[in-house]
C-alpha atoms as a PDB file:
ATOM      1  CA  GLN A   1       0.353   0.064  -0.008  1.00  0.00           C
ATOM      2  CA  LEU A   2       1.532   3.914  -0.897  1.00  0.00           C
ATOM      3  CA  GLN A   3       1.257   6.095   1.824  1.00  0.00           C
ATOM      4  CA  LEU A   4       2.657   8.995   3.258  1.00  0.00           C
ATOM      5  CA  VAL A   5       2.419   9.790   6.726  1.00  0.00           C
ATOM      6  CA  GLU A   6       3.248  12.963   8.503  1.00  0.00           C
ATOM      7  CA  SER A   7       4.757  13.340  11.920  1.00  0.00           C
ATOM      8  CA  GLY A   8       6.013  15.812  14.532  1.00  0.00           C
ATOM      9  CA  GLY A   9       3.182  18.126  14.654  1.00  0.00           C
ATOM     10  CA  GLY A  10       2.079  19.042  18.301  1.00  0.00           C
ATOM     11  CA  LEU A  11       1.459  21.871  20.602  1.00  0.00           C
ATOM     12  CA  VAL A  12       4.167  24.840  20.814  1.00  0.00           C
ATOM     13  CA  ARG A  13       3.808  28.095  22.056  1.00  0.00           C
ATOM     14  CA  PRO A  14       4.661  31.076  20.060  1.00  0.00           C
ATOM     15  CA  GLY A  15       7.986  31.829  18.901  1.00  0.00           C
ATOM     16  CA  GLY A  16       8.854  28.006  19.146  1.00  0.00           C
ATOM     17  CA  SER A  17       9.573  25.726  16.595  1.00  0.00           C
ATOM     18  CA  LEU A  18       8.956  22.151  15.195  1.00  0.00           C
ATOM     19  CA  ARG A  19      10.080  19.702  12.678  1.00  0.00           C
ATOM     20  CA  LEU A  20       7.508  18.156  10.587  1.00  0.00           C
ATOM     21  CA  SER A  21       8.569  14.647   8.556  1.00  0.00           C
ATOM     22  CA  CYS A  22       6.794  13.133   5.529  1.00  0.00           C
ATOM     23  CA  ALA A  23       7.744   9.597   5.052  1.00  0.00           C
ATOM     24  CA  ALA A  24       6.982   7.557   2.032  1.00  0.00           C
ATOM     25  CA  SER A  25       5.552   3.680   2.758  1.00  0.00           C
ATOM     26  CA  GLY A  26       5.599   1.392  -0.527  1.00  0.00           C
ATOM     27  CA  PHE A  27       7.221   3.579  -2.634  1.00  0.00           C
ATOM     28  CA  SER A  28      10.380   5.589  -2.869  1.00  0.00           C
ATOM     29  CA  LEU A  29      10.526   9.347  -3.045  1.00  0.00           C
ATOM     30  CA  ASP A  30      13.268   9.286  -5.537  1.00  0.00           C
ATOM     31  CA  HIS A  31      11.252  10.208  -8.362  1.00  0.00           C
ATOM     32  CA  TYR A  32       8.846  12.454  -6.304  1.00  0.00           C
ATOM     33  CA  ALA A  33       8.634  16.238  -5.624  1.00  0.00           C
ATOM     34  CA  ILE A  34       7.004  16.852  -2.035  1.00  0.00           C
ATOM     35  CA  GLY A  35       4.527  19.689  -1.393  1.00  0.00           C
ATOM     36  CA  TRP A  36       3.688  20.780   2.343  1.00  0.00           C
ATOM     37  CA  PHE A  37       0.116  22.075   2.689  1.00  0.00           C
ATOM     38  CA  ARG A  38      -2.020  23.276   5.894  1.00  0.00           C
ATOM     39  CA  GLN A  39      -5.416  23.906   6.364  1.00  0.00           C
ATOM     40  CA  ALA A  40      -7.199  25.604   9.471  1.00  0.00           C
ATOM     41  CA  PRO A  41     -10.706  24.852  10.654  1.00  0.00           C
ATOM     42  CA  GLY A  42     -13.154  26.657   8.353  1.00  0.00           C
ATOM     43  CA  GLN A  43     -10.581  27.965   5.805  1.00  0.00           C
ATOM     44  CA  GLU A  44      -9.433  26.544   2.619  1.00  0.00           C
ATOM     45  CA  ARG A  45      -6.190  24.640   2.179  1.00  0.00           C
ATOM     46  CA  GLU A  46      -3.166  26.938   1.630  1.00  0.00           C
ATOM     47  CA  GLY A  47       0.616  25.602   0.187  1.00  0.00           C
ATOM     48  CA  VAL A  48       2.975  26.016   2.553  1.00  0.00           C
ATOM     49  CA  SER A  49       6.556  25.020   0.806  1.00  0.00           C
ATOM     50  CA  SER A  50       7.487  22.719  -2.161  1.00  0.00           C
ATOM     51  CA  VAL A  51      10.942  21.112  -3.394  1.00  0.00           C
ATOM     52  CA  ASN A  52      11.981  19.604  -6.379  1.00  0.00           C
ATOM     53  CA  ILE A  53      13.172  15.816  -6.680  1.00  0.00           C
ATOM     54  CA  ARG A  54      16.909  16.667  -6.474  1.00  0.00           C
ATOM     55  CA  GLY A  55      16.321  18.727  -3.621  1.00  0.00           C
ATOM     56  CA  GLY A  56      18.288  22.033  -5.060  1.00  0.00           C
ATOM     57  CA  SER A  57      15.255  23.943  -5.693  1.00  0.00           C
ATOM     58  CA  THR A  58      12.069  25.416  -3.376  1.00  0.00           C
ATOM     59  CA  ASN A  59       9.192  27.142  -3.246  1.00  0.00           C
ATOM     60  CA  TYR A  60       7.670  29.134  -0.421  1.00  0.00           C
ATOM     61  CA  ALA A  61       4.403  31.076   0.697  1.00  0.00           C
ATOM     62  CA  ASN A  62       5.027  34.424   1.493  1.00  0.00           C
ATOM     63  CA  PHE A  63       3.514  33.830   4.774  1.00  0.00           C
ATOM     64  CA  VAL A  64       6.362  31.250   5.819  1.00  0.00           C
ATOM     65  CA  LYS A  65       9.655  32.876   3.867  1.00  0.00           C
ATOM     66  CA  GLY A  66      12.444  33.083   6.432  1.00  0.00           C
ATOM     67  CA  ARG A  67      10.837  30.977   8.949  1.00  0.00           C
ATOM     68  CA  PHE A  68      10.265  27.865   7.310  1.00  0.00           C
ATOM     69  CA  THR A  69      12.829  25.607   5.572  1.00  0.00           C
ATOM     70  CA  ILE A  70      11.773  22.428   3.183  1.00  0.00           C
ATOM     71  CA  SER A  71      14.677  19.609   3.050  1.00  0.00           C
ATOM     72  CA  ARG A  72      15.110  16.162   1.433  1.00  0.00           C
ATOM     73  CA  ALA A  73      17.266  13.624   3.515  1.00  0.00           C
ATOM     74  CA  ASN A  74      20.175  13.101   1.765  1.00  0.00           C
ATOM     75  CA  ALA A  75      19.360   9.103   2.224  1.00  0.00           C
ATOM     76  CA  GLY A  76      16.117   7.573   2.725  1.00  0.00           C
ATOM     77  CA  ASN A  77      12.659   8.054   2.128  1.00  0.00           C
ATOM     78  CA  THR A  78      11.656  11.441   4.233  1.00  0.00           C
ATOM     79  CA  VAL A  79      11.372  15.124   3.722  1.00  0.00           C
ATOM     80  CA  TYR A  80      11.240  17.849   6.320  1.00  0.00           C
ATOM     81  CA  LEU A  81       9.428  20.933   7.113  1.00  0.00           C
ATOM     82  CA  GLN A  82      11.130  23.173   9.818  1.00  0.00           C
ATOM     83  CA  MET A  83       9.054  25.885  11.382  1.00  0.00           C
ATOM     84  CA  ASN A  84      10.717  28.445  13.202  1.00  0.00           C
ATOM     85  CA  ASN A  85       9.570  31.306  14.909  1.00  0.00           C
ATOM     86  CA  LEU A  86       5.909  29.740  14.851  1.00  0.00           C
ATOM     87  CA  LYS A  87       2.684  32.047  15.315  1.00  0.00           C
ATOM     88  CA  PRO A  88      -1.024  31.556  16.201  1.00  0.00           C
ATOM     89  CA  GLU A  89      -1.969  31.655  12.885  1.00  0.00           C
ATOM     90  CA  ASP A  90       0.304  28.575  11.786  1.00  0.00           C
ATOM     91  CA  THR A  91      -2.226  26.524  13.736  1.00  0.00           C
ATOM     92  CA  ALA A  92      -3.479  24.078  10.871  1.00  0.00           C
ATOM     93  CA  VAL A  93      -3.359  20.445   9.979  1.00  0.00           C
ATOM     94  CA  TYR A  94      -0.348  20.088   7.614  1.00  0.00           C
ATOM     95  CA  TYR A  95      -0.161  17.198   4.718  1.00  0.00           C
ATOM     96  CA  CYS A  96       2.639  16.324   2.354  1.00  0.00           C
ATOM     97  CA  ALA A  97       1.726  15.203  -0.799  1.00  0.00           C
ATOM     98  CA  ALA A  98       4.063  13.504  -3.725  1.00  0.00           C
ATOM     99  CA  ALA A  99       4.069  14.576  -7.187  1.00  0.00           C
ATOM    100  CA  TYR A 100       5.538  12.142  -9.502  1.00  0.00           C
ATOM    101  CA  GLY A 101       7.100  12.671 -12.880  1.00  0.00           C
ATOM    102  CA  SER A 102      10.260  14.360 -14.718  1.00  0.00           C
ATOM    103  CA  THR A 103       8.763  17.812 -14.935  1.00  0.00           C
ATOM    104  CA  TRP A 104       9.984  17.897 -11.171  1.00  0.00           C
ATOM    105  CA  TYR A 105      13.731  17.124 -11.400  1.00  0.00           C
ATOM    106  CA  TYR A 106      14.452  20.614 -11.416  1.00  0.00           C
ATOM    107  CA  GLN A 107      11.332  22.641 -10.825  1.00  0.00           C
ATOM    108  CA  PRO A 108       9.161  22.634  -7.452  1.00  0.00           C
ATOM    109  CA  PRO A 109       5.694  21.894  -8.110  1.00  0.00           C
ATOM    110  CA  SER A 110       3.153  24.383  -7.825  1.00  0.00           C
ATOM    111  CA  LEU A 111       1.734  25.791  -4.154  1.00  0.00           C
ATOM    112  CA  THR A 112      -1.670  26.170  -5.522  1.00  0.00           C
ATOM    113  CA  ASP A 113      -2.563  23.636  -7.706  1.00  0.00           C
ATOM    114  CA  GLY A 114      -3.319  20.198  -5.832  1.00  0.00           C
ATOM    115  CA  SER A 115      -3.692  18.500  -8.911  1.00  0.00           C
ATOM    116  CA  GLU A 116      -0.046  18.380  -9.670  1.00  0.00           C
ATOM    117  CA  TYR A 117       0.187  15.840  -6.741  1.00  0.00           C
ATOM    118  CA  ASP A 118      -0.487  12.213  -6.782  1.00  0.00           C
ATOM    119  CA  TYR A 119      -0.377  10.956  -3.197  1.00  0.00           C
ATOM    120  CA  TRP A 120      -1.452  13.078  -0.019  1.00  0.00           C
ATOM    121  CA  GLY A 121      -0.703  12.387   3.409  1.00  0.00           C
ATOM    122  CA  GLN A 122      -3.119  12.073   6.242  1.00  0.00           C
ATOM    123  CA  GLY A 123      -2.004  15.378   8.312  1.00  0.00           C
ATOM    124  CA  THR A 124      -0.628  16.026  11.622  1.00  0.00           C
ATOM    125  CA  GLN A 125      -1.538  18.335  13.547  1.00  0.00           C
ATOM    126  CA  VAL A 126       0.250  22.028  14.500  1.00  0.00           C
ATOM    127  CA  THR A 127      -1.219  24.042  17.510  1.00  0.00           C
ATOM    128  CA  VAL A 128       0.527  27.390  18.229  1.00  0.00           C
ATOM    129  CA  SER A 129      -0.879  28.784  21.620  1.00  0.00           C
ATOM    130  CA  PRO A 130       0.641  30.348  24.568  1.00  0.00           C
END
């Protein structure tokens, strides 16, 4: 069974940090670009960050630039989202998604077009509160 599994969410105070992980089960991420998305209650899903297959090209939403960093493990089947200086408005369920295809070797997939992604995880809750 092909799955993406997110982990690392939790409760953190404003200004704190969390590192989310996105792990693949049943397939290799070697040919997949990865995107992180989030959805807060009552709001639409929004793109947070994405990275190309090779790992050298990234994309960030304006609201996380300078605070979040996406990276791929040098070996293994995991992609990370390091989140620093967290704010209450970052509270949401965070999802990772995988996009297959040679298109994504040199460029990251979109943060606005979910149809570019082939697999989605179940999400991990991030809550930022005093």
